[in-house]
């Protein structure tokens, strides 16, 4: 596994953790929707970075 793939997987793990925190916030008796929205937005950004690094592979070297 290349270092780029490892770094991309770290982004995926960070997005997963952020979504977990967002779920925990929504389960509170009085969740703060602004906080949840911010966490979801951050998770989206992390997922976008993950996709760019993991799936947008440069052309194989000859």
N, C-alpha and C. Protein backbone atom coordinates (compact mmCIF):
# COMPACT_ATOMS: atom_id res chain seq x y z
N UNK A 1 0.85 -1.17 0.00
CA UNK A 1 0.00 0.00 0.00
C UNK A 1 0.90 1.24 0.00
N UNK A 2 0.60 2.14 -0.92
CA UNK A 2 1.37 3.38 -1.02
C UNK A 2 1.02 4.33 0.12
N UNK A 3 1.93 5.23 0.39
CA UNK A 3 1.73 6.22 1.45
C UNK A 3 0.51 7.08 1.16
N UNK A 4 0.27 7.39 -0.12
CA UNK A 4 -0.89 8.20 -0.49
C UNK A 4 -2.19 7.49 -0.11
N UNK A 5 -2.23 6.17 -0.33
CA UNK A 5 -3.41 5.39 0.03
C UNK A 5 -3.60 5.37 1.54
N UNK A 6 -2.51 5.26 2.28
CA UNK A 6 -2.60 5.25 3.73
C UNK A 6 -3.13 6.58 4.26
N UNK A 7 -2.66 7.67 3.67
CA UNK A 7 -3.13 8.99 4.08
C UNK A 7 -4.61 9.17 3.73
N UNK A 8 -5.01 8.65 2.57
CA UNK A 8 -6.42 8.73 2.18
C UNK A 8 -7.29 7.95 3.15
N UNK A 9 -6.84 6.79 3.56
CA UNK A 9 -7.61 5.97 4.50
C UNK A 9 -7.72 6.68 5.84
N UNK A 10 -6.69 7.41 6.22
CA UNK A 10 -6.76 8.19 7.46
C UNK A 10 -7.86 9.24 7.36
N UNK A 11 -8.01 9.87 6.20
CA UNK A 11 -9.09 10.83 5.99
C UNK A 11 -10.45 10.17 6.15
N UNK A 12 -10.57 8.96 5.63
CA UNK A 12 -11.83 8.22 5.75
C UNK A 12 -12.14 7.92 7.22
N UNK A 13 -11.12 7.55 7.97
CA UNK A 13 -11.31 7.28 9.40
C UNK A 13 -11.72 8.55 10.14
N UNK A 14 -11.13 9.68 9.78
CA UNK A 14 -11.48 10.95 10.41
C UNK A 14 -12.93 11.32 10.10
N UNK A 15 -13.36 11.09 8.85
CA UNK A 15 -14.75 11.38 8.47
C UNK A 15 -15.70 10.48 9.26
N UNK A 16 -15.33 9.24 9.42
CA UNK A 16 -16.16 8.30 10.18
C UNK A 16 -16.29 8.76 11.63
N UNK A 17 -15.19 9.18 12.22
CA UNK A 17 -15.22 9.66 13.60
C UNK A 17 -16.09 10.91 13.73
N UNK A 18 -15.99 11.81 12.75
CA UNK A 18 -16.79 13.03 12.77
C UNK A 18 -18.28 12.70 12.67
N UNK A 19 -18.63 11.75 11.81
CA UNK A 19 -20.03 11.34 11.71
C UNK A 19 -20.51 10.70 13.00
N UNK A 20 -19.64 9.96 13.66
CA UNK A 20 -19.99 9.36 14.95
C UNK A 20 -20.29 10.43 15.99
N UNK A 21 -19.50 11.48 16.00
CA UNK A 21 -19.77 12.59 16.93
C UNK A 21 -21.07 13.29 16.58
N UNK A 22 -21.35 13.42 15.28
CA UNK A 22 -22.60 14.05 14.86
C UNK A 22 -23.80 13.21 15.30
N UNK A 23 -23.68 11.90 15.18
CA UNK A 23 -24.76 11.00 15.64
C UNK A 23 -24.95 11.16 17.14
N UNK A 24 -23.87 11.19 17.88
CA UNK A 24 -23.97 11.36 19.34
C UNK A 24 -24.67 12.67 19.69
N UNK A 25 -24.35 13.72 18.97
CA UNK A 25 -24.99 15.01 19.24
C UNK A 25 -26.49 14.95 18.94
N UNK A 26 -26.87 14.28 17.85
CA UNK A 26 -28.29 14.20 17.51
C UNK A 26 -29.08 13.38 18.51
N UNK A 27 -28.40 12.49 19.23
CA UNK A 27 -29.08 11.66 20.22
C UNK A 27 -29.25 12.35 21.57
N UNK A 28 -28.68 13.54 21.72
CA UNK A 28 -28.86 14.29 22.96
C UNK A 28 -30.32 14.72 23.10
N UNK A 29 -30.71 15.02 24.34
CA UNK A 29 -32.08 15.45 24.55
C UNK A 29 -32.38 16.76 23.82
N UNK A 30 -31.41 17.64 23.75
CA UNK A 30 -31.59 18.89 23.02
C UNK A 30 -30.39 19.11 22.10
N UNK A 31 -30.37 18.42 20.96
CA UNK A 31 -29.22 18.55 20.07
C UNK A 31 -29.14 19.95 19.45
N UNK A 32 -27.93 20.40 19.29
CA UNK A 32 -27.69 21.70 18.64
C UNK A 32 -27.50 21.44 17.14
N UNK A 33 -28.51 21.76 16.37
CA UNK A 33 -28.48 21.48 14.93
C UNK A 33 -27.34 22.20 14.22
N UNK A 34 -26.95 23.37 14.71
CA UNK A 34 -25.83 24.08 14.09
C UNK A 34 -24.55 23.29 14.24
N UNK A 35 -24.37 22.69 15.41
CA UNK A 35 -23.17 21.87 15.65
C UNK A 35 -23.19 20.64 14.75
N UNK A 36 -24.36 19.99 14.67
CA UNK A 36 -24.49 18.81 13.82
C UNK A 36 -24.22 19.17 12.36
N UNK A 37 -24.79 20.28 11.90
CA UNK A 37 -24.57 20.71 10.52
C UNK A 37 -23.09 20.95 10.26
N UNK A 38 -22.40 21.56 11.19
CA UNK A 38 -20.96 21.81 11.04
C UNK A 38 -20.16 20.51 10.98
N UNK A 39 -20.53 19.55 11.83
CA UNK A 39 -19.83 18.26 11.82
C UNK A 39 -20.06 17.51 10.52
N UNK A 40 -21.30 17.54 10.03
CA UNK A 40 -21.61 16.87 8.77
C UNK A 40 -20.86 17.55 7.62
N UNK A 41 -20.81 18.86 7.63
CA UNK A 41 -20.08 19.58 6.58
C UNK A 41 -18.59 19.21 6.60
N UNK A 42 -18.02 19.12 7.79
CA UNK A 42 -16.61 18.74 7.89
C UNK A 42 -16.39 17.31 7.41
N UNK A 43 -17.32 16.41 7.74
CA UNK A 43 -17.22 15.03 7.28
C UNK A 43 -17.29 14.97 5.76
N UNK A 44 -18.16 15.79 5.17
CA UNK A 44 -18.26 15.83 3.70
C UNK A 44 -16.94 16.26 3.07
N UNK A 45 -16.32 17.27 3.66
CA UNK A 45 -15.03 17.75 3.14
C UNK A 45 -13.97 16.65 3.23
N UNK A 46 -13.95 15.95 4.35
CA UNK A 46 -12.98 14.86 4.52
C UNK A 46 -13.24 13.75 3.51
N UNK A 47 -14.52 13.44 3.27
CA UNK A 47 -14.85 12.40 2.29
C UNK A 47 -14.45 12.84 0.88
N UNK A 48 -14.63 14.11 0.56
CA UNK A 48 -14.23 14.61 -0.75
C UNK A 48 -12.71 14.49 -0.93
N UNK A 49 -11.97 14.86 0.10
CA UNK A 49 -10.51 14.72 0.04
C UNK A 49 -10.12 13.26 -0.11
N UNK A 50 -10.81 12.38 0.62
CA UNK A 50 -10.53 10.95 0.51
C UNK A 50 -10.74 10.48 -0.92
N UNK A 51 -11.88 10.83 -1.51
CA UNK A 51 -12.18 10.40 -2.87
C UNK A 51 -11.13 10.90 -3.86
N UNK A 52 -10.72 12.14 -3.70
CA UNK A 52 -9.72 12.70 -4.61
C UNK A 52 -8.39 11.97 -4.50
N UNK A 53 -7.99 11.63 -3.29
CA UNK A 53 -6.70 10.98 -3.10
C UNK A 53 -6.74 9.49 -3.40
N UNK A 54 -7.84 8.84 -3.08
CA UNK A 54 -7.88 7.38 -3.18
C UNK A 54 -8.31 6.90 -4.56
N UNK A 55 -9.32 7.56 -5.15
CA UNK A 55 -9.87 7.08 -6.40
C UNK A 55 -9.31 7.76 -7.64
N UNK A 56 -8.84 8.98 -7.51
CA UNK A 56 -8.31 9.70 -8.65
C UNK A 56 -6.82 9.41 -8.79
N UNK A 57 -6.53 8.16 -9.10
CA UNK A 57 -5.16 7.73 -9.26
C UNK A 57 -4.53 8.33 -10.51
N UNK A 58 -3.31 8.79 -10.41
CA UNK A 58 -2.62 9.25 -11.62
C UNK A 58 -2.36 8.05 -12.54
N UNK A 59 -2.11 8.34 -13.79
CA UNK A 59 -1.85 7.26 -14.76
C UNK A 59 -0.64 6.45 -14.31
N UNK A 60 -0.70 5.13 -14.52
CA UNK A 60 0.44 4.29 -14.12
C UNK A 60 1.72 4.69 -14.84
N UNK A 61 2.81 4.59 -14.11
CA UNK A 61 4.12 4.96 -14.71
C UNK A 61 4.59 3.84 -15.62
N UNK A 62 5.20 4.24 -16.72
CA UNK A 62 5.69 3.26 -17.69
C UNK A 62 7.06 2.77 -17.35
